[in-house]
PDB file of all heavy atoms in Angstrom:
ATOM      1  N   THR A   1     107.975  65.348  63.956  1.00  0.00           N
ATOM      2  CA  THR A   1     107.098  64.272  63.514  1.00  0.00           C
ATOM      3  C   THR A   1     105.683  64.611  63.574  1.00  0.00           C
ATOM      4  O   THR A   1     104.788  64.027  62.897  1.00  0.00           O
ATOM      5  CB  THR A   1     107.322  62.947  64.383  1.00  0.00           C
ATOM      6  OG1 THR A   1     106.987  63.319  65.737  1.00  0.00           O
ATOM      7  CG2 THR A   1     108.713  62.468  64.345  1.00  0.00           C
ATOM      8  N   VAL A   2     105.324  65.662  64.384  1.00  0.00           N
ATOM      9  CA  VAL A   2     103.926  66.064  64.456  1.00  0.00           C
ATOM     10  C   VAL A   2     103.597  67.314  63.633  1.00  0.00           C
ATOM     11  O   VAL A   2     102.501  67.782  63.562  1.00  0.00           O
ATOM     12  CB  VAL A   2     103.496  66.347  65.916  1.00  0.00           C
ATOM     13  CG1 VAL A   2     103.661  65.063  66.733  1.00  0.00           C
ATOM     14  CG2 VAL A   2     104.304  67.502  66.522  1.00  0.00           C
ATOM     15  N   VAL A   3     104.590  67.876  62.920  1.00  0.00           N
ATOM     16  CA  VAL A   3     104.388  68.972  62.060  1.00  0.00           C
ATOM     17  C   VAL A   3     103.846  68.475  60.697  1.00  0.00           C
ATOM     18  O   VAL A   3     104.461  67.571  60.161  1.00  0.00           O
ATOM     19  CB  VAL A   3     105.643  69.830  61.925  1.00  0.00           C
ATOM     20  CG1 VAL A   3     105.440  70.951  60.954  1.00  0.00           C
ATOM     21  CG2 VAL A   3     106.077  70.359  63.269  1.00  0.00           C
ATOM     22  N   PRO A   4     102.792  69.100  60.164  1.00  0.00           N
ATOM     23  CA  PRO A   4     102.349  68.667  58.837  1.00  0.00           C
ATOM     24  C   PRO A   4     103.463  68.776  57.793  1.00  0.00           C
ATOM     25  O   PRO A   4     104.325  69.590  57.887  1.00  0.00           O
ATOM     26  CB  PRO A   4     101.231  69.647  58.545  1.00  0.00           C
ATOM     27  CG  PRO A   4     100.797  70.198  59.917  1.00  0.00           C
ATOM     28  CD  PRO A   4     102.060  70.214  60.745  1.00  0.00           C
ATOM     29  N   THR A   5     103.324  67.971  56.819  1.00  0.00           N
ATOM     30  CA  THR A   5     104.287  67.941  55.747  1.00  0.00           C
ATOM     31  C   THR A   5     104.450  69.249  55.091  1.00  0.00           C
ATOM     32  O   THR A   5     105.479  69.551  54.451  1.00  0.00           O
ATOM     33  CB  THR A   5     103.980  66.857  54.734  1.00  0.00           C
ATOM     34  OG1 THR A   5     102.712  67.066  54.203  1.00  0.00           O
ATOM     35  CG2 THR A   5     104.066  65.464  55.328  1.00  0.00           C
ATOM     36  N   THR A   6     103.411  70.112  55.124  1.00  0.00           N
ATOM     37  CA  THR A   6     103.510  71.409  54.437  1.00  0.00           C
ATOM     38  C   THR A   6     104.478  72.346  55.121  1.00  0.00           C
ATOM     39  O   THR A   6     104.768  73.420  54.594  1.00  0.00           O
ATOM     40  CB  THR A   6     102.134  72.053  54.450  1.00  0.00           C
ATOM     41  OG1 THR A   6     101.605  72.173  55.730  1.00  0.00           O
ATOM     42  CG2 THR A   6     101.199  71.281  53.581  1.00  0.00           C
ATOM     43  N   THR A   7     105.012  71.958  56.242  1.00  0.00           N
ATOM     44  CA  THR A   7     105.912  72.859  56.983  1.00  0.00           C
ATOM     45  C   THR A   7     107.333  72.727  56.466  1.00  0.00           C
ATOM     46  O   THR A   7     108.201  73.460  56.947  1.00  0.00           O
ATOM     47  CB  THR A   7     105.901  72.549  58.462  1.00  0.00           C
ATOM     48  OG1 THR A   7     106.470  71.238  58.757  1.00  0.00           O
ATOM     49  CG2 THR A   7     104.504  72.646  59.067  1.00  0.00           C
ATOM     50  N   VAL A   8     107.606  71.737  55.634  1.00  0.00           N
ATOM     51  CA  VAL A   8     108.956  71.627  55.130  1.00  0.00           C
ATOM     52  C   VAL A   8     109.334  72.757  54.292  1.00  0.00           C
ATOM     53  O   VAL A   8     108.650  73.200  53.443  1.00  0.00           O
ATOM     54  CB  VAL A   8     109.102  70.334  54.349  1.00  0.00           C
ATOM     55  CG1 VAL A   8     110.500  70.179  53.756  1.00  0.00           C
ATOM     56  CG2 VAL A   8     108.785  69.137  55.267  1.00  0.00           C
ATOM     57  N   ALA A   9     110.520  73.424  54.559  1.00  0.00           N
ATOM     58  CA  ALA A   9     110.957  74.611  53.847  1.00  0.00           C
ATOM     59  C   ALA A   9     111.104  74.312  52.346  1.00  0.00           C
ATOM     60  O   ALA A   9     111.629  73.239  52.011  1.00  0.00           O
ATOM     61  CB  ALA A   9     112.257  75.088  54.386  1.00  0.00           C
ATOM     62  N   THR A  10     110.683  75.227  51.512  1.00  0.00           N
ATOM     63  CA  THR A  10     110.872  75.057  50.105  1.00  0.00           C
ATOM     64  C   THR A  10     111.546  76.303  49.582  1.00  0.00           C
ATOM     65  O   THR A  10     111.205  77.414  50.008  1.00  0.00           O
ATOM     66  CB  THR A  10     109.500  74.923  49.361  1.00  0.00           C
ATOM     67  OG1 THR A  10     108.614  76.015  49.704  1.00  0.00           O
ATOM     68  CG2 THR A  10     108.771  73.658  49.792  1.00  0.00           C
ATOM     69  N   ALA A  11     112.479  76.145  48.680  1.00  0.00           N
ATOM     70  CA  ALA A  11     113.252  77.223  48.203  1.00  0.00           C
ATOM     71  C   ALA A  11     112.416  78.104  47.300  1.00  0.00           C
ATOM     72  O   ALA A  11     111.803  77.626  46.395  1.00  0.00           O
ATOM     73  CB  ALA A  11     114.469  76.778  47.451  1.00  0.00           C
ATOM     74  N   ALA A  12     112.437  79.422  47.562  1.00  0.00           N
ATOM     75  CA  ALA A  12     111.741  80.353  46.725  1.00  0.00           C
ATOM     76  C   ALA A  12     112.755  80.866  45.683  1.00  0.00           C
ATOM     77  O   ALA A  12     113.937  80.610  45.780  1.00  0.00           O
ATOM     78  CB  ALA A  12     111.197  81.532  47.553  1.00  0.00           C
ATOM     79  N   THR A  13     112.271  81.632  44.789  1.00  0.00           N
ATOM     80  CA  THR A  13     113.162  82.152  43.737  1.00  0.00           C
ATOM     81  C   THR A  13     114.272  82.986  44.263  1.00  0.00           C
ATOM     82  O   THR A  13     115.364  82.994  43.801  1.00  0.00           O
ATOM     83  CB  THR A  13     112.372  82.907  42.673  1.00  0.00           C
ATOM     84  OG1 THR A  13     111.672  83.967  43.336  1.00  0.00           O
ATOM     85  CG2 THR A  13     111.367  82.005  41.972  1.00  0.00           C
ATOM     86  N   ASP A  14     114.011  83.728  45.415  1.00  0.00           N
ATOM     87  CA  ASP A  14     115.052  84.556  45.990  1.00  0.00           C
ATOM     88  C   ASP A  14     115.756  83.805  47.105  1.00  0.00           C
ATOM     89  O   ASP A  14     116.638  84.370  47.750  1.00  0.00           O
ATOM     90  CB  ASP A  14     114.501  85.857  46.492  1.00  0.00           C
ATOM     91  CG  ASP A  14     113.441  85.779  47.565  1.00  0.00           C
ATOM     92  OD1 ASP A  14     113.124  84.555  47.959  1.00  0.00           O
ATOM     93  OD2 ASP A  14     112.934  86.754  48.038  1.00  0.00           O
ATOM     94  N   GLN A  15     115.412  82.571  47.355  1.00  0.00           N
ATOM     95  CA  GLN A  15     116.011  81.749  48.392  1.00  0.00           C
ATOM     96  C   GLN A  15     116.047  82.381  49.779  1.00  0.00           C
ATOM     97  O   GLN A  15     116.913  82.097  50.547  1.00  0.00           O
ATOM     98  CB  GLN A  15     117.485  81.354  47.990  1.00  0.00           C
ATOM     99  CG  GLN A  15     117.551  80.518  46.781  1.00  0.00           C
ATOM    100  CD  GLN A  15     118.903  79.919  46.523  1.00  0.00           C
ATOM    101  OE1 GLN A  15     119.825  80.172  47.266  1.00  0.00           O
ATOM    102  NE2 GLN A  15     119.024  79.050  45.503  1.00  0.00           N
ATOM    103  N   THR A  16     115.019  83.149  50.105  1.00  0.00           N
ATOM    104  CA  THR A  16     114.941  83.750  51.423  1.00  0.00           C
ATOM    105  C   THR A  16     113.584  83.371  52.070  1.00  0.00           C
ATOM    106  O   THR A  16     113.500  83.652  53.250  1.00  0.00           O
ATOM    107  CB  THR A  16     115.076  85.296  51.400  1.00  0.00           C
ATOM    108  OG1 THR A  16     113.995  85.804  50.577  1.00  0.00           O
ATOM    109  CG2 THR A  16     116.393  85.646  50.820  1.00  0.00           C
ATOM    110  N   GLU A  17     112.685  82.791  51.354  1.00  0.00           N
ATOM    111  CA  GLU A  17     111.320  82.532  51.922  1.00  0.00           C
ATOM    112  C   GLU A  17     111.025  81.100  52.025  1.00  0.00           C
ATOM    113  O   GLU A  17     111.300  80.270  51.128  1.00  0.00           O
ATOM    114  CB  GLU A  17     110.304  83.211  50.898  1.00  0.00           C
ATOM    115  CG  GLU A  17     108.863  83.037  51.389  1.00  0.00           C
ATOM    116  CD  GLU A  17     107.954  83.611  50.344  1.00  0.00           C
ATOM    117  OE1 GLU A  17     108.419  84.389  49.477  1.00  0.00           O
ATOM    118  OE2 GLU A  17     106.750  83.347  50.411  1.00  0.00           O
ATOM    119  N   ALA A  18     110.465  80.678  53.166  1.00  0.00           N
ATOM    120  CA  ALA A  18     110.102  79.380  53.410  1.00  0.00           C
ATOM    121  C   ALA A  18     108.591  79.235  53.220  1.00  0.00           C
ATOM    122  O   ALA A  18     107.823  80.203  53.298  1.00  0.00           O
ATOM    123  CB  ALA A  18     110.500  78.940  54.811  1.00  0.00           C
ATOM    124  N   ALA A  19     108.166  77.979  53.182  1.00  0.00           N
ATOM    125  CA  ALA A  19     106.682  77.703  53.083  1.00  0.00           C
ATOM    126  C   ALA A  19     106.027  78.044  54.369  1.00  0.00           C
ATOM    127  O   ALA A  19     106.614  77.977  55.432  1.00  0.00           O
ATOM    128  CB  ALA A  19     106.438  76.223  52.694  1.00  0.00           C
ATOM    129  N   PRO A  20     104.738  78.403  54.394  1.00  0.00           N
ATOM    130  CA  PRO A  20     104.035  78.662  55.605  1.00  0.00           C
ATOM    131  C   PRO A  20     104.134  77.494  56.550  1.00  0.00           C
ATOM    132  O   PRO A  20     104.032  76.304  56.148  1.00  0.00           O
ATOM    133  CB  PRO A  20     102.629  78.865  55.170  1.00  0.00           C
ATOM    134  CG  PRO A  20     102.686  79.315  53.729  1.00  0.00           C
ATOM    135  CD  PRO A  20     103.834  78.614  53.183  1.00  0.00           C
ATOM    136  N   SER A  21     104.378  77.726  57.859  1.00  0.00           N
ATOM    137  CA  SER A  21     104.692  76.690  58.769  1.00  0.00           C
ATOM    138  C   SER A  21     103.967  76.932  60.133  1.00  0.00           C
ATOM    139  O   SER A  21     104.327  77.871  60.809  1.00  0.00           O
ATOM    140  CB  SER A  21     106.203  76.613  59.038  1.00  0.00           C
ATOM    141  OG  SER A  21     106.929  76.443  57.815  1.00  0.00           O
ATOM    142  N   ARG A  22     102.879  76.122  60.351  1.00  0.00           N
ATOM    143  CA  ARG A  22     102.153  76.225  61.622  1.00  0.00           C
ATOM    144  C   ARG A  22     101.773  77.705  61.948  1.00  0.00           C
ATOM    145  O   ARG A  22     101.897  78.100  63.063  1.00  0.00           O
ATOM    146  CB  ARG A  22     102.999  75.648  62.738  1.00  0.00           C
ATOM    147  CG  ARG A  22     103.231  74.149  62.603  1.00  0.00           C
ATOM    148  CD  ARG A  22     103.986  73.544  63.759  1.00  0.00           C
ATOM    149  NE  ARG A  22     103.199  73.509  64.985  1.00  0.00           N
ATOM    150  CZ  ARG A  22     103.625  73.074  66.147  1.00  0.00           C
ATOM    151  NH1 ARG A  22     104.879  72.732  66.262  1.00  0.00           N
ATOM    152  NH2 ARG A  22     102.885  73.064  67.178  1.00  0.00           N
ATOM    153  N   GLY A  23     101.440  78.453  60.886  1.00  0.00           N
ATOM    154  CA  GLY A  23     100.886  79.793  61.156  1.00  0.00           C
ATOM    155  C   GLY A  23     101.869  80.911  60.905  1.00  0.00           C
ATOM    156  O   GLY A  23     101.467  82.080  61.014  1.00  0.00           O
ATOM    157  N   TRP A  24     103.131  80.627  60.597  1.00  0.00           N
ATOM    158  CA  TRP A  24     104.065  81.659  60.344  1.00  0.00           C
ATOM    159  C   TRP A  24     104.428  81.739  58.843  1.00  0.00           C
ATOM    160  O   TRP A  24     104.055  80.789  58.150  1.00  0.00           O
ATOM    161  CB  TRP A  24     105.306  81.656  61.245  1.00  0.00           C
ATOM    162  CG  TRP A  24     106.390  80.587  60.994  1.00  0.00           C
ATOM    163  CD1 TRP A  24     107.505  80.818  60.234  1.00  0.00           C
ATOM    164  CD2 TRP A  24     106.503  79.358  61.549  1.00  0.00           C
ATOM    165  NE1 TRP A  24     108.311  79.661  60.287  1.00  0.00           N
ATOM    166  CE2 TRP A  24     107.714  78.758  61.089  1.00  0.00           C
ATOM    167  CE3 TRP A  24     105.738  78.569  62.440  1.00  0.00           C
ATOM    168  CZ2 TRP A  24     108.161  77.533  61.468  1.00  0.00           C
ATOM    169  CZ3 TRP A  24     106.166  77.356  62.788  1.00  0.00           C
ATOM    170  CH2 TRP A  24     107.402  76.773  62.370  1.00  0.00           C
ATOM    171  N   ASN A  25     104.980  82.798  58.405  1.00  0.00           N
ATOM    172  CA  ASN A  25     105.143  83.102  57.011  1.00  0.00           C
ATOM    173  C   ASN A  25     103.803  83.195  56.306  1.00  0.00           C
ATOM    174  O   ASN A  25     103.672  82.725  55.142  1.00  0.00           O
ATOM    175  CB  ASN A  25     106.050  82.142  56.335  1.00  0.00           C
ATOM    176  CG  ASN A  25     107.519  82.507  56.555  1.00  0.00           C
ATOM    177  OD1 ASN A  25     107.829  83.555  56.991  1.00  0.00           O
ATOM    178  ND2 ASN A  25     108.418  81.576  56.127  1.00  0.00           N
ATOM    179  N   ASP A  26     102.818  83.724  56.960  1.00  0.00           N
ATOM    180  CA  ASP A  26     101.502  83.971  56.436  1.00  0.00           C
ATOM    181  C   ASP A  26     101.429  85.459  56.007  1.00  0.00           C
ATOM    182  O   ASP A  26     101.291  86.370  56.796  1.00  0.00           O
ATOM    183  CB  ASP A  26     100.397  83.688  57.485  1.00  0.00           C
ATOM    184  CG  ASP A  26      99.011  84.012  56.951  1.00  0.00           C
ATOM    185  OD1 ASP A  26      98.856  84.379  55.778  1.00  0.00           O
ATOM    186  OD2 ASP A  26      98.028  83.884  57.762  1.00  0.00           O
TER     187      ASP A  26
END
């Protein structure tokens, strides 16, 4: 509930990459 909405995983074209989340996947 305290994680920004941008942390929700989104499917990439290769289906292995998530959206940046609280500083990871940068």
